[in-house]
Amino acid sequence: MSARPRPIGRVTRGTTGTNRLRRMDRWIAALPALRRADDSLVVDLGYGASATTVLELHTRLRRVRADVEIVGIEIEPERVRSAAVSARPGVGFRLGGFEVPLPDDRRPVVVRAANVLRQYEEREVAEAWATMLGRLQPGGALVEGTCSEDGRVGSWVTLAPETGPHSLTLGLRLASLEAPSIVAERLPKALIHRNVAGEPVHDFLAELDHEWARASPLSVYGPVQRWLATVEGMRAAGWPVRGSRARWRLGELTVDWSAVAPR
């Protein structure tokens, strides 16, 4: 009998917390790939030291897919053993890494990898992406990014197995937002070291702060109105902004990956 292959990846710090990934959960719930999939299997890769984010993801996705199934995958065996007591119908846990091992070689429609690649080198990101994308269903989505410990500031890249990365999304709590560029500290690994002069993501964040400052008179109507004007300003300035005002009201801003990709 052959030995089970060693999981691909490294053990993370494992920090997690209630509602930390709520903004990313909300994004995944709206993905067309999830809503139209025949097999609504979703993987929470690298869920950390507790089962919290896996259980929350299941609860939130069931509102749009009653038949959704979530599998939490962790590379650290003790975390898997600890989380297993939280298993329930539609929620399970497995040992593994970027190779996304699943029974019967099932393929998920979505893989979420939140706060996993922060400890890696930028040069390792492309290989990790490729490995996870290779496990998805056709038309599926990989959502990879990072966020603050309280979940108020985050960003993520959405990728498809056929095309690779196609968008960057910022998710911000508007009520306490001083400047959108605070997200620079929570950019995905592929971008966090690129926030320097001459790189597109640096220009993007500088323009975003400019539009936020320009919209400051609208603060009297609340942070949402100010943010809507900021996003409209970004679009008017030529940035390929995606989505609708309904998404922007949530504190989101999504742009084409090509507009911010590293040079």
Protein backbone atom coordinates (compact mmCIF):
# COMPACT_ATOMS: atom_id res chain seq x y z
CA MET A 1 0.00 0.00 0.00
CA SER A 2 1.47 3.36 -1.03
CA ALA A 3 1.85 6.11 1.57
CA ARG A 4 -0.48 9.07 1.40
CA PRO A 5 1.21 12.01 -0.37
CA ARG A 6 2.52 14.73 1.91
CA PRO A 7 0.25 17.81 1.94
CA ILE A 8 1.53 20.71 -0.14
CA GLY A 9 2.19 23.88 1.85
CA ARG A 10 3.29 25.04 5.28
CA VAL A 11 1.51 25.40 8.60
CA THR A 12 0.08 28.89 9.11
CA ARG A 13 -0.21 30.83 12.37
CA GLY A 14 -3.79 29.65 12.53
CA THR A 15 -5.31 32.88 13.84
CA THR A 16 -9.04 33.11 13.28
CA GLY A 17 -12.09 34.71 14.83
CA THR A 18 -15.83 35.13 14.66
CA ASN A 19 -16.98 37.16 11.64
CA ARG A 20 -13.42 37.74 10.47
CA LEU A 21 -14.20 36.56 6.93
CA ARG A 22 -17.74 37.90 6.62
CA ARG A 23 -16.88 40.21 3.71
CA MET A 24 -15.30 37.40 1.75
CA ASP A 25 -18.22 35.11 2.60
CA ARG A 26 -20.62 37.69 1.18
CA TRP A 27 -18.59 37.87 -2.03
CA ILE A 28 -18.55 34.08 -2.45
CA ALA A 29 -22.31 33.88 -1.87
CA ALA A 30 -22.84 36.14 -4.89
CA LEU A 31 -20.53 34.26 -7.27
CA PRO A 32 -22.37 33.02 -10.36
CA ALA A 33 -20.18 29.88 -10.30
CA LEU A 34 -21.64 28.83 -6.95
CA ARG A 35 -25.22 29.55 -7.88
CA ARG A 36 -25.17 27.60 -11.15
CA ALA A 37 -22.95 24.65 -10.18
CA ASP A 38 -24.35 21.12 -10.33
CA ASP A 39 -22.08 20.16 -7.43
CA SER A 40 -22.03 22.98 -4.87
CA LEU A 41 -18.96 21.77 -2.98
CA VAL A 42 -16.89 24.59 -1.46
CA VAL A 43 -13.50 24.30 0.26
CA ASP A 44 -12.23 26.55 3.05
CA LEU A 45 -8.49 25.98 2.73
CA GLY A 46 -6.30 26.75 5.73
CA TYR A 47 -9.15 27.57 8.13
CA GLY A 48 -6.81 27.82 11.10
CA ALA A 49 -6.91 26.81 14.74
CA SER A 50 -10.70 26.52 15.02
CA ALA A 51 -13.65 25.54 12.85
CA THR A 52 -15.22 29.00 13.11
CA THR A 53 -14.77 30.22 9.53
CA VAL A 54 -15.89 26.89 8.05
CA LEU A 55 -19.11 26.89 10.04
CA GLU A 56 -19.83 30.54 9.30
CA LEU A 57 -19.24 30.01 5.58
CA HIS A 58 -21.68 27.10 5.56
CA THR A 59 -24.36 29.15 7.35
CA ARG A 60 -24.01 32.07 4.95
CA LEU A 61 -23.86 30.05 1.73
CA ARG A 62 -26.91 27.98 2.67
CA ARG A 63 -28.96 31.14 2.24
CA VAL A 64 -28.27 31.01 -1.52
CA ARG A 65 -27.58 27.27 -1.97
CA ALA A 66 -29.49 25.08 0.46
CA ASP A 67 -27.52 22.06 -0.75
CA VAL A 68 -24.07 23.60 -0.29
CA GLU A 69 -21.38 21.39 1.20
CA ILE A 70 -18.31 22.85 2.90
CA VAL A 71 -15.06 21.00 3.50
CA GLY A 72 -12.46 22.62 5.70
CA ILE A 73 -8.92 21.58 4.79
CA GLU A 74 -5.96 22.12 7.10
CA ILE A 75 -2.33 21.05 6.86
CA GLU A 76 -1.87 20.69 10.62
CA PRO A 77 -3.25 17.33 11.86
CA GLU A 78 -4.19 18.49 15.35
CA ARG A 79 -6.33 21.29 13.91
CA VAL A 80 -8.23 18.74 11.84
CA ARG A 81 -8.79 16.49 14.84
CA SER A 82 -9.99 19.44 16.92
CA ALA A 83 -12.34 20.73 14.21
CA ALA A 84 -13.82 17.28 13.55
CA VAL A 85 -16.04 17.55 16.65
CA SER A 86 -17.80 20.45 14.88
CA ALA A 87 -18.70 18.37 11.80
CA ARG A 88 -22.39 18.39 10.89
CA PRO A 89 -24.51 17.63 7.83
CA GLY A 90 -22.96 19.60 4.99
CA VAL A 91 -19.73 20.34 6.87
CA GLY A 92 -16.61 18.16 7.07
CA PHE A 93 -12.88 18.47 7.68
CA ARG A 94 -9.83 16.93 6.01
CA LEU A 95 -6.07 16.97 6.26
CA GLY A 96 -4.34 18.54 3.27
CA GLY A 97 -2.89 21.59 1.58
CA PHE A 98 -2.88 23.30 -1.80
CA GLU A 99 -3.49 19.96 -3.53
CA VAL A 100 -7.08 20.05 -2.11
CA PRO A 101 -7.54 16.33 -1.41
CA LEU A 102 -11.19 15.24 -1.51
CA PRO A 103 -12.94 11.84 -1.49
CA ASP A 104 -13.54 10.26 -4.89
CA ASP A 105 -11.45 13.04 -6.42
CA ARG A 106 -14.38 15.45 -6.24
CA ARG A 107 -13.71 18.94 -7.47
CA PRO A 108 -14.99 22.01 -5.62
CA VAL A 109 -16.75 24.87 -7.35
CA VAL A 110 -15.06 27.37 -5.01
CA VAL A 111 -11.84 27.26 -3.02
CA ARG A 112 -11.33 30.01 -0.48
CA ALA A 113 -7.78 30.54 0.79
CA ALA A 114 -7.93 33.38 3.31
CA ASN A 115 -4.84 34.60 5.15
CA VAL A 116 -2.91 31.55 3.94
CA LEU A 117 -0.30 32.99 1.57
CA ARG A 118 0.76 35.90 3.81
CA GLN A 119 3.68 33.91 5.19
CA TYR A 120 4.89 32.82 1.75
CA GLU A 121 7.28 34.57 -0.59
CA GLU A 122 5.77 36.44 -3.52
CA ARG A 123 7.59 34.13 -5.92
CA GLU A 124 5.65 31.17 -4.45
CA VAL A 125 2.21 32.60 -5.14
CA ALA A 126 1.87 31.61 -8.81
CA GLU A 127 2.61 27.95 -8.09
CA ALA A 128 0.15 27.86 -5.18
CA TRP A 129 -2.52 29.47 -7.35
CA ALA A 130 -1.90 27.00 -10.17
CA THR A 131 -2.12 24.00 -7.83
CA MET A 132 -5.45 25.12 -6.36
CA LEU A 133 -6.88 26.15 -9.73
CA GLY A 134 -6.04 22.71 -11.08
CA ARG A 135 -8.43 21.17 -8.55
CA LEU A 136 -11.48 23.30 -9.40
CA GLN A 137 -14.51 22.35 -11.43
CA PRO A 138 -14.60 23.93 -14.90
CA GLY A 139 -15.98 27.43 -14.44
CA GLY A 140 -15.15 27.41 -10.73
CA ALA A 141 -13.49 30.13 -8.68
CA LEU A 142 -10.51 30.51 -6.38
CA VAL A 143 -10.85 33.37 -3.90
CA GLU A 144 -7.50 34.19 -2.30
CA GLY A 145 -6.72 37.13 -0.08
CA THR A 146 -6.21 38.51 3.38
CA CYS A 147 -7.91 40.66 5.98
CA SER A 148 -7.43 42.34 9.32
CA GLU A 149 -7.98 40.37 12.53
CA ASP A 150 -11.40 41.97 13.03
CA GLY A 151 -12.41 41.62 9.38
CA ARG A 152 -12.98 45.35 8.86
CA VAL A 153 -10.33 45.65 6.14
CA GLY A 154 -9.60 43.04 3.50
CA SER A 155 -8.88 42.33 -0.14
CA TRP A 156 -8.92 39.31 -2.37
CA VAL A 157 -8.17 38.10 -5.87
CA THR A 158 -10.76 36.03 -7.71
CA LEU A 159 -9.34 33.53 -10.22
CA ALA A 160 -10.78 31.06 -12.70
CA PRO A 161 -9.16 27.79 -13.84
CA GLU A 162 -9.50 28.83 -17.47
CA THR A 163 -8.11 32.37 -17.22
CA GLY A 164 -6.26 32.78 -13.93
CA PRO A 165 -6.69 36.00 -11.92
CA HIS A 166 -9.42 38.29 -13.26
CA SER A 167 -10.31 40.73 -10.48
CA LEU A 168 -9.15 42.39 -7.27
CA THR A 169 -11.76 43.29 -4.66
CA LEU A 170 -11.40 45.56 -1.66
CA GLY A 171 -13.80 45.06 1.25
CA LEU A 172 -13.88 47.88 3.82
CA ARG A 173 -15.97 48.86 6.81
CA LEU A 174 -17.04 52.32 5.76
CA ALA A 175 -18.26 53.56 9.13
CA SER A 176 -14.72 53.72 10.52
CA LEU A 177 -12.81 54.37 7.31
CA GLU A 178 -10.28 57.21 7.39
CA ALA A 179 -8.57 56.48 4.07
CA PRO A 180 -9.11 53.57 1.66
CA SER A 181 -5.36 53.02 1.32
CA ILE A 182 -5.39 51.40 4.76
CA VAL A 183 -6.00 48.25 2.73
CA ALA A 184 -2.36 48.41 1.62
CA GLU A 185 -1.51 46.48 4.79
CA ARG A 186 -3.94 43.74 3.79
CA LEU A 187 -3.32 43.31 0.09
CA PRO A 188 -2.97 39.75 -1.24
CA LYS A 189 0.58 38.43 -1.25
CA ALA A 190 0.85 38.93 -5.01
CA LEU A 191 0.44 42.69 -4.49
CA ILE A 192 1.45 43.65 -0.98
CA HIS A 193 5.10 44.26 -1.85
CA ARG A 194 4.15 46.08 -5.06
CA ASN A 195 2.67 49.15 -3.38
CA VAL A 196 5.60 51.28 -4.51
CA ALA A 197 5.95 54.07 -7.06
CA GLY A 198 5.82 52.77 -10.61
CA GLU A 199 3.53 49.83 -9.84
CA PRO A 200 -0.14 49.88 -10.94
CA VAL A 201 -1.52 48.97 -7.51
CA HIS A 202 0.31 51.97 -6.01
CA ASP A 203 -1.32 54.25 -8.58
CA PHE A 204 -4.68 52.63 -7.87
CA LEU A 205 -4.53 53.24 -4.12
CA ALA A 206 -3.23 56.80 -4.58
CA GLU A 207 -6.14 57.60 -6.92
CA LEU A 208 -8.56 55.94 -4.51
CA ASP A 209 -7.40 58.13 -1.63
CA HIS A 210 -7.65 61.18 -3.90
CA GLU A 211 -11.25 60.39 -4.84
CA TRP A 212 -12.12 59.68 -1.19
CA ALA A 213 -10.76 63.09 -0.18
CA ARG A 214 -12.55 64.77 -3.08
CA ALA A 215 -15.84 63.22 -1.93
CA SER A 216 -15.41 64.45 1.66
CA PRO A 217 -18.25 67.04 1.40
CA LEU A 218 -20.66 64.10 1.09
CA SER A 219 -19.68 62.88 4.56
CA VAL A 220 -22.65 64.80 5.94
CA TYR A 221 -24.86 62.24 4.19
CA GLY A 222 -22.92 59.32 5.66
CA PRO A 223 -19.93 57.19 4.67
CA VAL A 224 -21.89 55.12 2.15
CA GLN A 225 -22.73 58.17 0.01
CA ARG A 226 -19.13 59.30 0.21
CA TRP A 227 -17.93 55.84 -0.86
CA LEU A 228 -20.39 55.68 -3.77
CA ALA A 229 -19.05 59.00 -5.04
CA THR A 230 -15.49 57.71 -4.59
CA VAL A 231 -16.17 54.62 -6.68
CA GLU A 232 -17.94 56.65 -9.36
CA GLY A 233 -14.91 58.94 -9.39
CA MET A 234 -12.59 55.98 -9.92
CA ARG A 235 -14.68 54.79 -12.84
CA ALA A 236 -14.76 58.27 -14.35
CA ALA A 237 -10.97 58.42 -14.02
CA GLY A 238 -10.70 55.36 -16.26
CA TRP A 239 -10.28 52.51 -13.78
CA PRO A 240 -12.09 49.33 -14.93
CA VAL A 241 -14.50 49.17 -12.00
CA ARG A 242 -16.84 46.19 -11.86
CA GLY A 243 -20.14 45.59 -10.15
CA SER A 244 -23.08 47.76 -9.24
CA ARG A 245 -23.99 50.29 -6.60
CA ALA A 246 -25.58 47.47 -4.62
CA ARG A 247 -22.12 45.92 -4.19
CA TRP A 248 -20.41 49.25 -3.63
CA ARG A 249 -22.80 50.03 -0.78
CA LEU A 250 -21.31 47.06 1.05
CA GLY A 251 -17.93 48.79 1.08
CA GLU A 252 -16.65 46.82 -1.90
CA LEU A 253 -14.68 47.97 -4.90
CA THR A 254 -13.74 45.49 -7.62
CA VAL A 255 -11.44 46.23 -10.54
CA ASP A 256 -10.00 44.15 -13.36
CA TRP A 257 -6.85 42.34 -12.31
CA SER A 258 -5.10 43.61 -15.42
CA ALA A 259 -5.33 47.16 -14.04
CA VAL A 260 -3.38 46.36 -10.85
CA ALA A 261 -1.28 43.33 -11.77
CA PRO A 262 2.46 43.57 -10.98
CA ARG A 263 4.70 44.86 -13.72
